[in-house]
């Protein structure tokens, strides 16, 4: 693996450190690698759009796009489910 030295202002260094301290990243290198990966996927909009199109096509093929359930129906089903779970010994 290659090594790179990068200079950043103190405010950027503090930001990166805060991301590491939050537990989202293990190290500065981990953070920079993630930024590069994200840049690689957004640099080629054709690739991003192709992935989006494929996801939409899968959803349409599965019939998920046409299935809409009212929130009240969902909550009623959940209430019934959890009431049944509470009733079990």
PDB file of N, CA and C in Angstrom:
ATOM      1  N   UNK A   1       0.855  -1.169   0.000  1.00  0.00           N
ATOM      2  CA  UNK A   1       0.000   0.000   0.000  1.00  0.00           C
ATOM      3  C   UNK A   1       0.901   1.232   0.000  1.00  0.00           C
ATOM      4  N   UNK A   2       0.523   2.227  -0.790  1.00  0.00           N
ATOM      5  CA  UNK A   2       1.312   3.450  -0.910  1.00  0.00           C
ATOM      6  C   UNK A   2       0.992   4.415   0.235  1.00  0.00           C
ATOM      7  N   UNK A   3       1.935   5.304   0.502  1.00  0.00           N
ATOM      8  CA  UNK A   3       1.767   6.316   1.541  1.00  0.00           C
ATOM      9  C   UNK A   3       1.700   7.685   0.886  1.00  0.00           C
ATOM     10  N   UNK A   4       0.808   8.558   1.412  1.00  0.00           N
ATOM     11  CA  UNK A   4       0.699   9.933   0.922  1.00  0.00           C
ATOM     12  C   UNK A   4       0.717  10.860   2.123  1.00  0.00           C
ATOM     13  N   UNK A   5       1.367  11.986   1.979  1.00  0.00           N
ATOM     14  CA  UNK A   5       1.345  13.023   3.015  1.00  0.00           C
ATOM     15  C   UNK A   5       0.480  14.161   2.507  1.00  0.00           C
ATOM     16  N   UNK A   6      -0.467  14.595   3.316  1.00  0.00           N
ATOM     17  CA  UNK A   6      -1.402  15.638   2.915  1.00  0.00           C
ATOM     18  C   UNK A   6      -1.412  16.718   3.986  1.00  0.00           C
ATOM     19  N   UNK A   7      -1.359  17.976   3.566  1.00  0.00           N
ATOM     20  CA  UNK A   7      -1.444  19.100   4.494  1.00  0.00           C
ATOM     21  C   UNK A   7      -2.843  19.690   4.424  1.00  0.00           C
ATOM     22  N   UNK A   8      -3.445  19.921   5.593  1.00  0.00           N
ATOM     23  CA  UNK A   8      -4.780  20.521   5.664  1.00  0.00           C
ATOM     24  C   UNK A   8      -4.772  21.578   6.764  1.00  0.00           C
ATOM     25  N   UNK A   9      -5.697  22.545   6.680  1.00  0.00           N
ATOM     26  CA  UNK A   9      -5.807  23.530   7.760  1.00  0.00           C
ATOM     27  C   UNK A   9      -6.238  22.862   9.066  1.00  0.00           C
ATOM     28  N   UNK A  10      -5.967  23.537  10.174  1.00  0.00           N
ATOM     29  CA  UNK A  10      -6.307  22.983  11.490  1.00  0.00           C
ATOM     30  C   UNK A  10      -7.796  22.654  11.619  1.00  0.00           C
ATOM     31  N   UNK A  11      -8.639  23.485  11.016  1.00  0.00           N
ATOM     32  CA  UNK A  11     -10.083  23.230  11.124  1.00  0.00           C
ATOM     33  C   UNK A  11     -10.469  21.920  10.434  1.00  0.00           C
ATOM     34  N   UNK A  12      -9.839  21.628   9.315  1.00  0.00           N
ATOM     35  CA  UNK A  12     -10.120  20.363   8.619  1.00  0.00           C
ATOM     36  C   UNK A  12      -9.574  19.184   9.407  1.00  0.00           C
ATOM     37  N   UNK A  13      -8.394  19.357   9.974  1.00  0.00           N
ATOM     38  CA  UNK A  13      -7.814  18.296  10.794  1.00  0.00           C
ATOM     39  C   UNK A  13      -8.735  17.982  11.968  1.00  0.00           C
ATOM     40  N   UNK A  14      -9.270  19.034  12.604  1.00  0.00           N
ATOM     41  CA  UNK A  14     -10.180  18.842  13.735  1.00  0.00           C
ATOM     42  C   UNK A  14     -11.451  18.123  13.287  1.00  0.00           C
ATOM     43  N   UNK A  15     -11.938  18.464  12.095  1.00  0.00           N
ATOM     44  CA  UNK A  15     -13.144  17.804  11.576  1.00  0.00           C
ATOM     45  C   UNK A  15     -12.897  16.310  11.387  1.00  0.00           C
ATOM     46  N   UNK A  16     -11.777  15.981  10.763  1.00  0.00           N
ATOM     47  CA  UNK A  16     -11.444  14.572  10.537  1.00  0.00           C
ATOM     48  C   UNK A  16     -11.321  13.853  11.875  1.00  0.00           C
ATOM     49  N   UNK A  17     -10.658  14.489  12.832  1.00  0.00           N
ATOM     50  CA  UNK A  17     -10.497  13.866  14.145  1.00  0.00           C
ATOM     51  C   UNK A  17     -11.857  13.645  14.818  1.00  0.00           C
ATOM     52  N   UNK A  18     -12.773  14.576  14.633  1.00  0.00           N
ATOM     53  CA  UNK A  18     -14.106  14.412  15.232  1.00  0.00           C
ATOM     54  C   UNK A  18     -14.838  13.226  14.610  1.00  0.00           C
ATOM     55  N   UNK A  19     -14.616  12.984  13.323  1.00  0.00           N
ATOM     56  CA  UNK A  19     -15.236  11.827  12.660  1.00  0.00           C
ATOM     57  C   UNK A  19     -14.646  10.527  13.200  1.00  0.00           C
ATOM     58  N   UNK A  20     -13.362  10.547  13.491  1.00  0.00           N
ATOM     59  CA  UNK A  20     -12.705   9.372  14.065  1.00  0.00           C
ATOM     60  C   UNK A  20     -13.186   9.161  15.493  1.00  0.00           C
ATOM     61  N   UNK A  21     -13.246  10.237  16.281  1.00  0.00           N
ATOM     62  CA  UNK A  21     -13.690  10.146  17.675  1.00  0.00           C
ATOM     63  C   UNK A  21     -15.133   9.662  17.788  1.00  0.00           C
ATOM     64  N   UNK A  22     -15.943   9.947  16.776  1.00  0.00           N
ATOM     65  CA  UNK A  22     -17.341   9.505  16.805  1.00  0.00           C
ATOM     66  C   UNK A  22     -17.462   7.999  16.590  1.00  0.00           C
ATOM     67  N   UNK A  23     -16.382   7.372  16.126  1.00  0.00           N
ATOM     68  CA  UNK A  23     -16.395   5.939  15.894  1.00  0.00           C
ATOM     69  C   UNK A  23     -16.755   5.554  14.471  1.00  0.00           C
ATOM     70  N   UNK A  24     -17.061   6.532  13.653  1.00  0.00           N
ATOM     71  CA  UNK A  24     -17.438   6.224  12.270  1.00  0.00           C
ATOM     72  C   UNK A  24     -16.233   5.746  11.457  1.00  0.00           C
ATOM     73  N   UNK A  25     -15.065   6.273  11.779  1.00  0.00           N
ATOM     74  CA  UNK A  25     -13.840   5.893  11.078  1.00  0.00           C
ATOM     75  C   UNK A  25     -12.800   5.457  12.096  1.00  0.00           C
ATOM     76  N   UNK A  26     -11.951   4.524  11.676  1.00  0.00           N
ATOM     77  CA  UNK A  26     -10.922   4.000  12.568  1.00  0.00           C
ATOM     78  C   UNK A  26      -9.669   4.865  12.584  1.00  0.00           C
ATOM     79  N   UNK A  27      -9.440   5.581  11.487  1.00  0.00           N
ATOM     80  CA  UNK A  27      -8.210   6.365  11.375  1.00  0.00           C
ATOM     81  C   UNK A  27      -8.370   7.423  10.291  1.00  0.00           C
ATOM     82  N   UNK A  28      -7.374   8.298  10.202  1.00  0.00           N
ATOM     83  CA  UNK A  28      -7.356   9.299   9.142  1.00  0.00           C
ATOM     84  C   UNK A  28      -7.323   8.602   7.786  1.00  0.00           C
ATOM     85  N   UNK A  29      -6.535   7.559   7.672  1.00  0.00           N
ATOM     86  CA  UNK A  29      -6.440   6.817   6.413  1.00  0.00           C
ATOM     87  C   UNK A  29      -7.790   6.227   6.024  1.00  0.00           C
ATOM     88  N   UNK A  30      -8.509   5.686   6.988  1.00  0.00           N
ATOM     89  CA  UNK A  30      -9.829   5.125   6.736  1.00  0.00           C
ATOM     90  C   UNK A  30     -10.772   6.208   6.202  1.00  0.00           C
ATOM     91  N   UNK A  31     -10.723   7.392   6.800  1.00  0.00           N
ATOM     92  CA  UNK A  31     -11.555   8.524   6.383  1.00  0.00           C
ATOM     93  C   UNK A  31     -11.226   8.939   4.950  1.00  0.00           C
ATOM     94  N   UNK A  32      -9.944   9.082   4.643  1.00  0.00           N
ATOM     95  CA  UNK A  32      -9.529   9.518   3.313  1.00  0.00           C
ATOM     96  C   UNK A  32      -9.892   8.465   2.266  1.00  0.00           C
ATOM     97  N   UNK A  33      -9.707   7.190   2.580  1.00  0.00           N
ATOM     98  CA  UNK A  33     -10.081   6.134   1.634  1.00  0.00           C
ATOM     99  C   UNK A  33     -11.574   6.189   1.323  1.00  0.00           C
ATOM    100  N   UNK A  34     -12.404   6.441   2.357  1.00  0.00           N
ATOM    101  CA  UNK A  34     -13.840   6.538   2.143  1.00  0.00           C
ATOM    102  C   UNK A  34     -14.176   7.726   1.241  1.00  0.00           C
ATOM    103  N   UNK A  35     -13.525   8.869   1.456  1.00  0.00           N
ATOM    104  CA  UNK A  35     -13.748  10.035   0.593  1.00  0.00           C
ATOM    105  C   UNK A  35     -13.382   9.722  -0.859  1.00  0.00           C
ATOM    106  N   UNK A  36     -12.281   9.028  -1.050  1.00  0.00           N
ATOM    107  CA  UNK A  36     -11.851   8.687  -2.411  1.00  0.00           C
ATOM    108  C   UNK A  36     -12.854   7.742  -3.064  1.00  0.00           C
ATOM    109  N   UNK A  37     -13.335   6.733  -2.307  1.00  0.00           N
ATOM    110  CA  UNK A  37     -14.342   5.813  -2.854  1.00  0.00           C
ATOM    111  C   UNK A  37     -15.598   6.564  -3.279  1.00  0.00           C
ATOM    112  N   UNK A  38     -16.051   7.485  -2.427  1.00  0.00           N
ATOM    113  CA  UNK A  38     -17.248   8.267  -2.753  1.00  0.00           C
ATOM    114  C   UNK A  38     -17.011   9.111  -3.996  1.00  0.00           C
ATOM    115  N   UNK A  39     -15.843   9.707  -4.106  1.00  0.00           N
ATOM    116  CA  UNK A  39     -15.518  10.526  -5.270  1.00  0.00           C
ATOM    117  C   UNK A  39     -15.482   9.668  -6.532  1.00  0.00           C
ATOM    118  N   UNK A  40     -14.962   8.461  -6.418  1.00  0.00           N
ATOM    119  CA  UNK A  40     -14.895   7.581  -7.582  1.00  0.00           C
ATOM    120  C   UNK A  40     -16.292   7.233  -8.097  1.00  0.00           C
ATOM    121  N   UNK A  41     -17.242   7.063  -7.209  1.00  0.00           N
ATOM    122  CA  UNK A  41     -18.586   6.706  -7.652  1.00  0.00           C
ATOM    123  C   UNK A  41     -19.349   7.910  -8.184  1.00  0.00           C
ATOM    124  N   UNK A  42     -19.015   9.102  -7.723  1.00  0.00           N
ATOM    125  CA  UNK A  42     -19.737  10.282  -8.203  1.00  0.00           C
ATOM    126  C   UNK A  42     -19.052  10.935  -9.390  1.00  0.00           C
ATOM    127  N   UNK A  43     -17.800  10.582  -9.654  1.00  0.00           N
ATOM    128  CA  UNK A  43     -17.077  11.176 -10.764  1.00  0.00           C
ATOM    129  C   UNK A  43     -17.653  10.719 -12.102  1.00  0.00           C
ATOM    130  N   UNK A  44     -18.141   9.495 -12.153  1.00  0.00           N
ATOM    131  CA  UNK A  44     -18.717   8.963 -13.382  1.00  0.00           C
ATOM    132  C   UNK A  44     -20.232   8.919 -13.234  1.00  0.00           C
ATOM    133  N   UNK A  45     -20.922   9.999 -13.625  1.00  0.00           N
ATOM    134  CA  UNK A  45     -22.374  10.034 -13.441  1.00  0.00           C
ATOM    135  C   UNK A  45     -23.077   8.927 -14.206  1.00  0.00           C
ATOM    136  N   UNK A  46     -22.504   8.485 -15.314  1.00  0.00           N
ATOM    137  CA  UNK A  46     -23.109   7.381 -16.066  1.00  0.00           C
ATOM    138  C   UNK A  46     -23.186   6.115 -15.237  1.00  0.00           C
ATOM    139  N   UNK A  47     -22.151   5.856 -14.460  1.00  0.00           N
ATOM    140  CA  UNK A  47     -22.118   4.669 -13.598  1.00  0.00           C
ATOM    141  C   UNK A  47     -23.174   4.788 -12.506  1.00  0.00           C
ATOM    142  N   UNK A  48     -23.280   5.960 -11.904  1.00  0.00           N
ATOM    143  CA  UNK A  48     -24.256   6.187 -10.848  1.00  0.00           C
ATOM    144  C   UNK A  48     -25.674   6.043 -11.385  1.00  0.00           C
ATOM    145  N   UNK A  49     -25.929   6.642 -12.554  1.00  0.00           N
ATOM    146  CA  UNK A  49     -27.255   6.567 -13.154  1.00  0.00           C
ATOM    147  C   UNK A  49     -27.603   5.137 -13.561  1.00  0.00           C
ATOM    148  N   UNK A  50     -26.622   4.401 -14.058  1.00  0.00           N
ATOM    149  CA  UNK A  50     -26.866   3.004 -14.432  1.00  0.00           C
ATOM    150  C   UNK A  50     -27.244   2.185 -13.205  1.00  0.00           C
ATOM    151  N   UNK A  51     -26.571   2.425 -12.081  1.00  0.00           N
ATOM    152  CA  UNK A  51     -26.902   1.706 -10.842  1.00  0.00           C
ATOM    153  C   UNK A  51     -28.297   2.081 -10.358  1.00  0.00           C
ATOM    154  N   UNK A  52     -28.645   3.352 -10.460  1.00  0.00           N
ATOM    155  CA  UNK A  52     -29.978   3.801 -10.063  1.00  0.00           C
ATOM    156  C   UNK A  52     -31.047   3.176 -10.961  1.00  0.00           C
ATOM    157  N   UNK A  53     -30.803   3.186 -12.263  1.00  0.00           N
ATOM    158  CA  UNK A  53     -31.748   2.568 -13.199  1.00  0.00           C
ATOM    159  C   UNK A  53     -31.950   1.088 -12.903  1.00  0.00           C
ATOM    160  N   UNK A  54     -30.868   0.393 -12.584  1.00  0.00           N
ATOM    161  CA  UNK A  54     -30.968  -1.032 -12.269  1.00  0.00           C
ATOM    162  C   UNK A  54     -31.786  -1.261 -11.002  1.00  0.00           C
ATOM    163  N   UNK A  55     -31.599  -0.400 -10.013  1.00  0.00           N
ATOM    164  CA  UNK A  55     -32.363  -0.517  -8.770  1.00  0.00           C
ATOM    165  C   UNK A  55     -33.845  -0.279  -9.019  1.00  0.00           C
ATOM    166  N   UNK A  56     -34.157   0.724  -9.805  1.00  0.00           N
ATOM    167  CA  UNK A  56     -35.555   1.008 -10.135  1.00  0.00           C
ATOM    168  C   UNK A  56     -36.162  -0.159 -10.913  1.00  0.00           C
ATOM    169  N   UNK A  57     -35.430  -0.687 -11.866  1.00  0.00           N
ATOM    170  CA  UNK A  57     -35.928  -1.815 -12.665  1.00  0.00           C
ATOM    171  C   UNK A  57     -36.209  -3.030 -11.784  1.00  0.00           C
ATOM    172  N   UNK A  58     -35.329  -3.301 -10.813  1.00  0.00           N
ATOM    173  CA  UNK A  58     -35.567  -4.432  -9.897  1.00  0.00           C
ATOM    174  C   UNK A  58     -36.831  -4.202  -9.088  1.00  0.00           C
ATOM    175  N   UNK A  59     -37.020  -2.982  -8.602  1.00  0.00           N
ATOM    176  CA  UNK A  59     -38.216  -2.671  -7.828  1.00  0.00           C
ATOM    177  C   UNK A  59     -39.483  -2.839  -8.641  1.00  0.00           C
ATOM    178  N   UNK A  60     -39.439  -2.389  -9.884  1.00  0.00           N
ATOM    179  CA  UNK A  60     -40.603  -2.541 -10.751  1.00  0.00           C
ATOM    180  C   UNK A  60     -40.875  -4.006 -11.059  1.00  0.00           C
ATOM    181  N   UNK A  61     -39.818  -4.777 -11.285  1.00  0.00           N
ATOM    182  CA  UNK A  61     -39.970  -6.201 -11.588  1.00  0.00           C
ATOM    183  C   UNK A  61     -40.538  -6.961 -10.396  1.00  0.00           C
ATOM    184  N   UNK A  62     -40.171  -6.541  -9.192  1.00  0.00           N
ATOM    185  CA  UNK A  62     -40.655  -7.206  -7.976  1.00  0.00           C
ATOM    186  C   UNK A  62     -42.071  -6.768  -7.612  1.00  0.00           C
ATOM    187  N   UNK A  63     -42.570  -5.748  -8.279  1.00  0.00           N
ATOM    188  CA  UNK A  63     -43.910  -5.264  -7.982  1.00  0.00           C
ATOM    189  C   UNK A  63     -43.964  -4.341  -6.780  1.00  0.00           C
ATOM    190  N   UNK A  64     -42.815  -3.967  -6.239  1.00  0.00           N
ATOM    191  CA  UNK A  64     -42.789  -3.113  -5.046  1.00  0.00           C
ATOM    192  C   UNK A  64     -43.262  -1.698  -5.342  1.00  0.00           C
ATOM    193  N   UNK A  65     -43.019  -1.209  -6.549  1.00  0.00           N
ATOM    194  CA  UNK A  65     -43.339   0.184  -6.855  1.00  0.00           C
ATOM    195  C   UNK A  65     -44.842   0.447  -6.832  1.00  0.00           C
ATOM    196  N   UNK A  66     -45.642  -0.557  -7.183  1.00  0.00           N
ATOM    197  CA  UNK A  66     -47.073  -0.355  -7.238  1.00  0.00           C
ATOM    198  C   UNK A  66     -47.793  -0.647  -5.945  1.00  0.00           C
ATOM    199  N   UNK A  67     -47.057  -1.122  -4.946  1.00  0.00           N
ATOM    200  CA  UNK A  67     -47.679  -1.514  -3.684  1.00  0.00           C
ATOM    201  C   UNK A  67     -47.522  -0.396  -2.662  1.00  0.00           C
ATOM    202  N   UNK A  68     -48.614   0.266  -2.343  1.00  0.00           N
ATOM    203  CA  UNK A  68     -48.604   1.341  -1.367  1.00  0.00           C
ATOM    204  C   UNK A  68     -49.600   0.988  -0.277  1.00  0.00           C
ATOM    205  N   UNK A  69     -49.180   1.098   0.963  1.00  0.00           N
ATOM    206  CA  UNK A  69     -50.052   0.797   2.090  1.00  0.00           C
ATOM    207  C   UNK A  69     -50.214   2.048   2.929  1.00  0.00           C
ATOM    208  N   UNK A  70     -51.436   2.360   3.264  1.00  0.00           N
ATOM    209  CA  UNK A  70     -51.714   3.516   4.106  1.00  0.00           C
ATOM    210  C   UNK A  70     -51.061   3.323   5.477  1.00  0.00           C
ATOM    211  N   UNK A  71     -50.583   4.405   6.042  1.00  0.00           N
ATOM    212  CA  UNK A  71     -49.914   4.349   7.344  1.00  0.00           C
ATOM    213  C   UNK A  71     -50.850   3.777   8.409  1.00  0.00           C
ATOM    214  N   UNK A  72     -52.104   4.162   8.378  1.00  0.00           N
ATOM    215  CA  UNK A  72     -53.060   3.675   9.383  1.00  0.00           C
ATOM    216  C   UNK A  72     -53.184   2.150   9.327  1.00  0.00           C
ATOM    217  N   UNK A  73     -53.176   1.596   8.115  1.00  0.00           N
ATOM    218  CA  UNK A  73     -53.243   0.142   7.957  1.00  0.00           C
ATOM    219  C   UNK A  73     -52.012  -0.521   8.549  1.00  0.00           C
ATOM    220  N   UNK A  74     -50.860   0.059   8.287  1.00  0.00           N
ATOM    221  CA  UNK A  74     -49.612  -0.486   8.829  1.00  0.00           C
ATOM    222  C   UNK A  74     -49.647  -0.458  10.359  1.00  0.00           C
ATOM    223  N   UNK A  75     -50.053   0.664  10.943  1.00  0.00           N
ATOM    224  CA  UNK A  75     -50.100   0.769  12.404  1.00  0.00           C
ATOM    225  C   UNK A  75     -51.111  -0.206  12.997  1.00  0.00           C
ATOM    226  N   UNK A  76     -52.238  -0.398  12.329  1.00  0.00           N
ATOM    227  CA  UNK A  76     -53.224  -1.368  12.810  1.00  0.00           C
ATOM    228  C   UNK A  76     -52.643  -2.775  12.821  1.00  0.00           C
ATOM    229  N   UNK A  77     -51.940  -3.127  11.753  1.00  0.00           N
ATOM    230  CA  UNK A  77     -51.317  -4.459  11.683  1.00  0.00           C
ATOM    231  C   UNK A  77     -50.281  -4.635  12.785  1.00  0.00           C
ATOM    232  N   UNK A  78     -49.468  -3.608  13.004  1.00  0.00           N
ATOM    233  CA  UNK A  78     -48.454  -3.690  14.056  1.00  0.00           C
ATOM    234  C   UNK A  78     -49.094  -3.796  15.436  1.00  0.00           C
ATOM    235  N   UNK A  79     -50.144  -3.030  15.666  1.00  0.00           N
ATOM    236  CA  UNK A  79     -50.839  -3.095  16.960  1.00  0.00           C
ATOM    237  C   UNK A  79     -51.393  -4.489  17.203  1.00  0.00           C
ATOM    238  N   UNK A  80     -51.986  -5.072  16.184  1.00  0.00           N
ATOM    239  CA  UNK A  80     -52.528  -6.431  16.307  1.00  0.00           C
ATOM    240  C   UNK A  80     -51.407  -7.432  16.573  1.00  0.00           C
ATOM    241  N   UNK A  81     -50.323  -7.297  15.855  1.00  0.00           N
ATOM    242  CA  UNK A  81     -49.187  -8.214  16.014  1.00  0.00           C
ATOM    243  C   UNK A  81     -48.625  -8.152  17.431  1.00  0.00           C
ATOM    244  N   UNK A  82     -48.396  -6.931  17.922  1.00  0.00           N
ATOM    245  CA  UNK A  82     -47.783  -6.792  19.250  1.00  0.00           C
ATOM    246  C   UNK A  82     -48.768  -7.144  20.367  1.00  0.00           C
ATOM    247  N   UNK A  83     -50.042  -6.942  20.157  1.00  0.00           N
ATOM    248  CA  UNK A  83     -51.041  -7.364  21.132  1.00  0.00           C
ATOM    249  C   UNK A  83     -51.030  -8.875  21.240  1.00  0.00           C
ATOM    250  N   UNK A  84     -50.912  -9.559  20.104  1.00  0.00           N
ATOM    251  CA  UNK A  84     -50.847 -11.016  20.116  1.00  0.00           C
ATOM    252  C   UNK A  84     -49.573 -11.509  20.811  1.00  0.00           C
ATOM    253  N   UNK A  85     -48.480 -10.800  20.612  1.00  0.00           N
ATOM    254  CA  UNK A  85     -47.225 -11.193  21.254  1.00  0.00           C
ATOM    255  C   UNK A  85     -47.315 -11.018  22.775  1.00  0.00           C
ATOM    256  N   UNK A  86     -47.975  -9.950  23.227  1.00  0.00           N
ATOM    257  CA  UNK A  86     -48.125  -9.730  24.660  1.00  0.00           C
ATOM    258  C   UNK A  86     -49.031 -10.779  25.283  1.00  0.00           C
ATOM    259  N   UNK A  87     -50.003 -11.279  24.536  1.00  0.00           N
ATOM    260  CA  UNK A  87     -50.962 -12.251  25.049  1.00  0.00           C
ATOM    261  C   UNK A  87     -50.352 -13.639  25.211  1.00  0.00           C
ATOM    262  N   UNK A  88     -49.241 -13.892  24.520  1.00  0.00           N
ATOM    263  CA  UNK A  88     -48.600 -15.204  24.628  1.00  0.00           C
ATOM    264  C   UNK A  88     -47.923 -15.343  25.981  1.00  0.00           C
ATOM    265  N   UNK A  89     -47.983 -16.566  26.540  1.00  0.00           N
ATOM    266  CA  UNK A  89     -47.348 -16.784  27.856  1.00  0.00           C
ATOM    267  C   UNK A  89     -45.854 -16.707  27.819  1.00  0.00           C
TER     268      UNK A  89
END
